[in-house]
């Protein structure tokens, strides 16, 4: 490792491999996938580990304010980092703890509650990196007419769950409020990375990842780039068939922003 590298513990070769803008990988169903798949939007711990290893050094503090079933927390455990997860739905917290017990993984610190409130309890500049998967806009229980497969779900019945907001601007407002708190608790020069799928809702395409990144910039972050993760093993659906074009978004945008060092 280059002694001038203050960001991570990677070699130049490992660094170069990570910064490719596309990630064309089907990650193995490991680390309790059979339990975590109850959550429609669970993310592979190995993918989370790769991001954590790039943006931190061993022993760093990682935050996931929308932890779900704990992909970020498991990823942190796999590479020797400390992590804090905040989750509004106790069901998903219990799934995370079940995975830890079944696979003998260390349990990271978990806080049950509304992250917009709970983050206020942390001192400024407490975390080194934030990796999260915010709620998607307009989660519902709709089914396809083609095969009756349940595509999306409500992640909780909580009124304060941002994923239950149906107005797009209010949805972005609520996330912006959270990221203002994230800016406060992230150290200077620290990075955030968030997963987001752009969505087609009721006849309109919403570029959520870009709209949210612009909102986050208002908090003071600088947008540094993005990765496109294409899960090649994802099932395909006949959206719009046979009447009209509806895009099947098979990739996730992973937007990366940084808190200025000064």
Protein backbone atom coordinates (compact mmCIF):
# COMPACT_ATOMS: atom_id res chain seq x y z
CA UNK A 1 0.00 0.00 0.00
CA UNK A 2 1.22 3.47 -0.87
CA UNK A 3 2.11 5.31 2.38
CA UNK A 4 0.41 8.43 0.98
CA UNK A 5 -2.95 6.62 0.89
CA UNK A 6 -5.01 8.07 3.74
CA UNK A 7 -8.38 6.84 2.43
CA UNK A 8 -8.12 3.05 2.55
CA UNK A 9 -5.80 0.05 2.72
CA UNK A 10 -5.92 -0.96 -0.94
CA UNK A 11 -3.11 -1.44 -3.41
CA UNK A 12 -3.09 0.53 -6.66
CA UNK A 13 -4.37 -2.56 -8.48
CA UNK A 14 -7.28 -3.00 -6.03
CA UNK A 15 -8.04 0.72 -6.20
CA UNK A 16 -8.17 0.65 -10.01
CA UNK A 17 -10.49 -2.35 -10.03
CA UNK A 18 -12.97 -0.68 -7.68
CA UNK A 19 -13.32 2.67 -9.42
CA UNK A 20 -14.83 1.21 -12.60
CA UNK A 21 -18.23 2.84 -13.08
CA UNK A 22 -20.02 -0.47 -13.74
CA UNK A 23 -20.38 -3.48 -11.48
CA UNK A 24 -21.55 -6.51 -13.49
CA UNK A 25 -21.78 -9.10 -10.77
CA UNK A 26 -24.23 -11.63 -9.46
CA UNK A 27 -23.23 -11.99 -5.84
CA UNK A 28 -23.66 -15.42 -4.20
CA UNK A 29 -26.64 -15.94 -1.94
CA UNK A 30 -24.64 -15.99 1.26
CA UNK A 31 -24.60 -14.61 4.81
CA UNK A 32 -28.20 -15.49 5.57
CA UNK A 33 -29.74 -14.65 2.22
CA UNK A 34 -32.53 -17.14 2.89
CA UNK A 35 -33.54 -14.93 5.84
CA UNK A 36 -32.64 -11.53 4.43
CA UNK A 37 -34.60 -12.06 1.21
CA UNK A 38 -37.79 -11.37 3.19
CA UNK A 39 -36.79 -7.75 2.64
CA UNK A 40 -37.36 -6.99 -1.04
CA UNK A 41 -34.47 -4.51 -1.22
CA UNK A 42 -31.77 -6.39 0.69
CA UNK A 43 -28.25 -5.76 -0.62
CA UNK A 44 -25.37 -8.26 -0.88
CA UNK A 45 -23.03 -7.95 2.11
CA UNK A 46 -20.05 -8.67 -0.17
CA UNK A 47 -20.92 -5.62 -2.29
CA UNK A 48 -21.29 -3.50 0.84
CA UNK A 49 -17.92 -4.82 2.06
CA UNK A 50 -16.24 -3.66 -1.16
CA UNK A 51 -17.54 -0.11 -0.70
CA UNK A 52 -16.62 -0.01 2.98
CA UNK A 53 -13.10 -1.26 2.25
CA UNK A 54 -12.59 1.45 -0.37
CA UNK A 55 -13.84 4.39 1.69
CA UNK A 56 -12.42 3.47 5.12
CA UNK A 57 -9.53 1.96 7.01
CA UNK A 58 -9.72 -0.85 9.57
CA UNK A 59 -11.55 0.20 12.73
CA UNK A 60 -13.51 3.01 11.09
CA UNK A 61 -17.06 3.90 12.10
CA UNK A 62 -19.70 3.23 9.41
CA UNK A 63 -23.32 4.41 9.47
CA UNK A 64 -26.40 3.02 7.75
CA UNK A 65 -29.46 5.14 8.69
CA UNK A 66 -31.80 2.86 6.71
CA UNK A 67 -30.28 -0.50 7.66
CA UNK A 68 -33.09 -2.86 6.63
CA UNK A 69 -31.85 -6.40 7.22
CA UNK A 70 -28.28 -5.28 7.74
CA UNK A 71 -26.31 -5.71 4.51
CA UNK A 72 -24.09 -2.75 5.41
CA UNK A 73 -23.59 -3.96 8.98
CA UNK A 74 -22.63 -7.47 7.84
CA UNK A 75 -20.28 -5.97 5.25
CA UNK A 76 -18.61 -3.92 7.99
CA UNK A 77 -18.18 -7.02 10.15
CA UNK A 78 -16.53 -8.85 7.25
CA UNK A 79 -13.76 -6.26 6.99
CA UNK A 80 -13.09 -5.22 10.56
CA UNK A 81 -15.08 -2.00 10.77
CA UNK A 82 -17.53 -0.80 13.41
CA UNK A 83 -21.04 0.05 12.26
CA UNK A 84 -24.25 1.60 13.50
CA UNK A 85 -27.58 0.82 11.85
CA UNK A 86 -30.87 2.64 12.37
CA UNK A 87 -34.11 0.94 11.36
CA UNK A 88 -37.74 1.94 11.92
CA UNK A 89 -39.18 -1.58 11.50
CA UNK A 90 -38.41 -4.04 14.30
CA UNK A 91 -39.10 -6.99 11.99
CA UNK A 92 -35.99 -6.25 9.91
CA UNK A 93 -33.85 -5.72 12.99
CA UNK A 94 -34.85 -9.17 14.23
CA UNK A 95 -33.95 -10.69 10.86
CA UNK A 96 -30.48 -9.13 11.10
CA UNK A 97 -29.93 -10.56 14.58
CA UNK A 98 -31.11 -13.99 13.40
CA UNK A 99 -28.54 -13.92 10.61
CA UNK A 100 -25.77 -12.94 13.03
CA UNK A 101 -26.64 -15.78 15.39
CA UNK A 102 -27.03 -18.40 12.68
CA UNK A 103 -23.76 -17.55 10.92
CA UNK A 104 -21.73 -16.55 13.99
CA UNK A 105 -21.29 -12.95 12.83
CA UNK A 106 -20.52 -10.19 15.32
CA UNK A 107 -23.55 -8.03 16.06
CA UNK A 108 -23.08 -4.38 15.23
CA UNK A 109 -24.86 -1.60 17.11
CA UNK A 110 -28.51 -1.30 16.07
CA UNK A 111 -30.95 1.48 16.97
CA UNK A 112 -34.69 0.97 16.51
CA UNK A 113 -36.50 4.15 15.52
CA UNK A 114 -36.79 7.05 13.09
CA UNK A 115 -33.33 7.94 11.80
CA UNK A 116 -34.31 11.62 11.39
CA UNK A 117 -34.66 11.67 15.18
CA UNK A 118 -32.07 9.13 16.30
CA UNK A 119 -29.18 10.70 14.37
CA UNK A 120 -29.57 13.86 16.47
CA UNK A 121 -28.28 11.85 19.45
CA UNK A 122 -24.80 11.49 17.89
CA UNK A 123 -22.06 14.10 18.26
CA UNK A 124 -20.74 15.94 15.19
CA UNK A 125 -18.28 14.12 12.92
CA UNK A 126 -18.76 10.75 14.64
CA UNK A 127 -18.77 8.57 11.50
CA UNK A 128 -16.12 7.99 8.84
CA UNK A 129 -18.38 6.67 6.06
CA UNK A 130 -22.09 6.30 5.31
CA UNK A 131 -23.41 3.47 3.13
CA UNK A 132 -27.16 3.17 2.84
CA UNK A 133 -30.12 2.13 0.75
CA UNK A 134 -32.88 4.72 1.32
CA UNK A 135 -36.55 3.83 0.86
CA UNK A 136 -37.78 3.69 -2.71
CA UNK A 137 -40.48 6.06 -3.86
CA UNK A 138 -44.03 4.66 -3.93
CA UNK A 139 -43.58 1.15 -2.60
CA UNK A 140 -46.85 -0.75 -3.01
CA UNK A 141 -48.21 -4.27 -3.20
CA UNK A 142 -49.02 -4.22 -6.92
CA UNK A 143 -48.79 -7.42 -8.97
CA UNK A 144 -48.10 -7.98 -12.63
CA UNK A 145 -50.99 -9.07 -14.82
CA UNK A 146 -48.65 -11.46 -16.63
CA UNK A 147 -47.61 -13.82 -13.84
CA UNK A 148 -49.18 -12.46 -10.63
CA UNK A 149 -45.74 -12.14 -9.07
CA UNK A 150 -45.47 -9.75 -6.16
CA UNK A 151 -42.88 -7.19 -7.22
CA UNK A 152 -42.78 -4.68 -4.40
CA UNK A 153 -43.91 -4.45 -0.82
CA UNK A 154 -44.48 -2.05 2.04
CA UNK A 155 -41.49 -2.23 4.36
CA UNK A 156 -43.42 -1.07 7.42
CA UNK A 157 -46.77 0.31 8.53
CA UNK A 158 -45.12 3.23 10.34
CA UNK A 159 -46.53 6.65 9.45
CA UNK A 160 -43.01 8.09 9.73
CA UNK A 161 -41.57 5.57 7.27
CA UNK A 162 -40.38 7.65 4.33
CA UNK A 163 -41.17 4.77 1.99
CA UNK A 164 -44.87 5.29 2.69
CA UNK A 165 -44.90 8.87 1.36
CA UNK A 166 -46.81 9.06 -1.93
CA UNK A 167 -46.00 12.66 -2.94
CA UNK A 168 -42.65 12.82 -4.75
CA UNK A 169 -41.52 16.24 -3.51
CA UNK A 170 -42.47 15.39 0.08
CA UNK A 171 -40.56 12.12 -0.31
CA UNK A 172 -37.43 14.03 -1.38
CA UNK A 173 -37.98 16.61 1.39
CA UNK A 174 -38.02 13.87 4.02
CA UNK A 175 -34.83 12.27 2.71
CA UNK A 176 -33.12 15.66 2.48
CA UNK A 177 -33.88 16.20 6.18
CA UNK A 178 -32.13 12.94 7.03
CA UNK A 179 -29.08 13.78 4.95
CA UNK A 180 -28.74 17.15 6.65
CA UNK A 181 -28.25 15.20 9.90
CA UNK A 182 -25.89 12.81 8.12
CA UNK A 183 -23.78 15.78 7.03
CA UNK A 184 -23.47 16.86 10.66
CA UNK A 185 -22.40 13.44 12.01
CA UNK A 186 -19.98 12.62 9.15
CA UNK A 187 -16.37 13.66 9.56
CA UNK A 188 -14.88 16.31 7.28
CA UNK A 189 -13.64 14.70 4.07
CA UNK A 190 -15.83 11.64 4.63
CA UNK A 191 -17.91 10.02 1.88
CA UNK A 192 -21.47 8.80 1.56
CA UNK A 193 -22.70 6.24 -0.96
CA UNK A 194 -26.35 5.39 -1.44
CA UNK A 195 -28.19 2.80 -3.52
CA UNK A 196 -31.23 3.91 -5.48
CA UNK A 197 -33.29 2.55 -8.36
CA UNK A 198 -34.88 5.05 -10.70
CA UNK A 199 -38.52 4.07 -10.97
CA UNK A 200 -41.45 4.05 -13.35
CA UNK A 201 -44.58 4.94 -11.35
CA UNK A 202 -48.07 5.38 -12.78
CA UNK A 203 -46.95 6.29 -16.29
CA UNK A 204 -44.03 8.52 -15.35
CA UNK A 205 -40.30 7.81 -15.03
CA UNK A 206 -38.68 9.21 -11.89
CA UNK A 207 -34.85 9.72 -11.94
CA UNK A 208 -34.79 9.41 -8.15
CA UNK A 209 -31.07 8.80 -7.71
CA UNK A 210 -30.21 12.05 -9.50
CA UNK A 211 -32.95 14.13 -7.90
CA UNK A 212 -31.91 12.89 -4.47
CA UNK A 213 -28.21 13.54 -5.12
CA UNK A 214 -29.08 17.15 -6.05
CA UNK A 215 -31.04 17.50 -2.82
CA UNK A 216 -28.11 16.08 -0.83
CA UNK A 217 -25.82 18.64 -2.40
CA UNK A 218 -27.96 21.31 -0.75
CA UNK A 219 -26.82 19.95 2.61
CA UNK A 220 -23.23 20.73 1.62
CA UNK A 221 -22.04 17.49 0.02
CA UNK A 222 -20.17 17.43 -3.29
CA UNK A 223 -21.34 14.85 -5.84
CA UNK A 224 -18.29 12.85 -6.91
CA UNK A 225 -19.66 10.15 -9.22
CA UNK A 226 -21.67 6.97 -9.48
CA UNK A 227 -21.47 3.24 -9.97
CA UNK A 228 -24.02 1.22 -11.90
CA UNK A 229 -24.63 -2.20 -10.37
CA UNK A 230 -26.25 -4.70 -12.73
CA UNK A 231 -27.29 -7.90 -10.98
CA UNK A 232 -27.12 -10.31 -13.90
CA UNK A 233 -29.15 -12.91 -12.04
CA UNK A 234 -32.19 -10.69 -11.62
CA UNK A 235 -35.48 -12.00 -12.99
CA UNK A 236 -36.98 -10.12 -15.96
CA UNK A 237 -40.62 -8.99 -16.14
CA UNK A 238 -42.82 -8.19 -19.21
CA UNK A 239 -43.68 -4.63 -18.15
CA UNK A 240 -46.01 -2.87 -20.60
CA UNK A 241 -46.48 -5.93 -22.80
CA UNK A 242 -48.19 -5.90 -25.24
CA UNK A 243 -49.36 -2.28 -25.18
CA UNK A 244 -46.60 0.24 -24.43
CA UNK A 245 -42.95 0.79 -23.57
CA UNK A 246 -42.15 0.52 -19.87
CA UNK A 247 -38.51 0.20 -18.92
CA UNK A 248 -37.50 -2.72 -16.70
CA UNK A 249 -34.83 -1.14 -14.51
CA UNK A 250 -32.46 -4.02 -13.87
CA UNK A 251 -29.67 -1.92 -12.37
CA UNK A 252 -29.08 0.14 -9.25
CA UNK A 253 -27.42 3.52 -9.22
CA UNK A 254 -24.91 3.91 -6.39
CA UNK A 255 -24.28 7.65 -6.00
CA UNK A 256 -21.12 8.82 -4.19
CA UNK A 257 -20.83 12.21 -2.50
CA UNK A 258 -18.25 13.75 -0.19
CA UNK A 259 -18.32 16.18 2.70
CA UNK A 260 -15.67 18.83 1.97
CA UNK A 261 -12.54 18.55 4.09
CA UNK A 262 -12.57 22.27 4.77
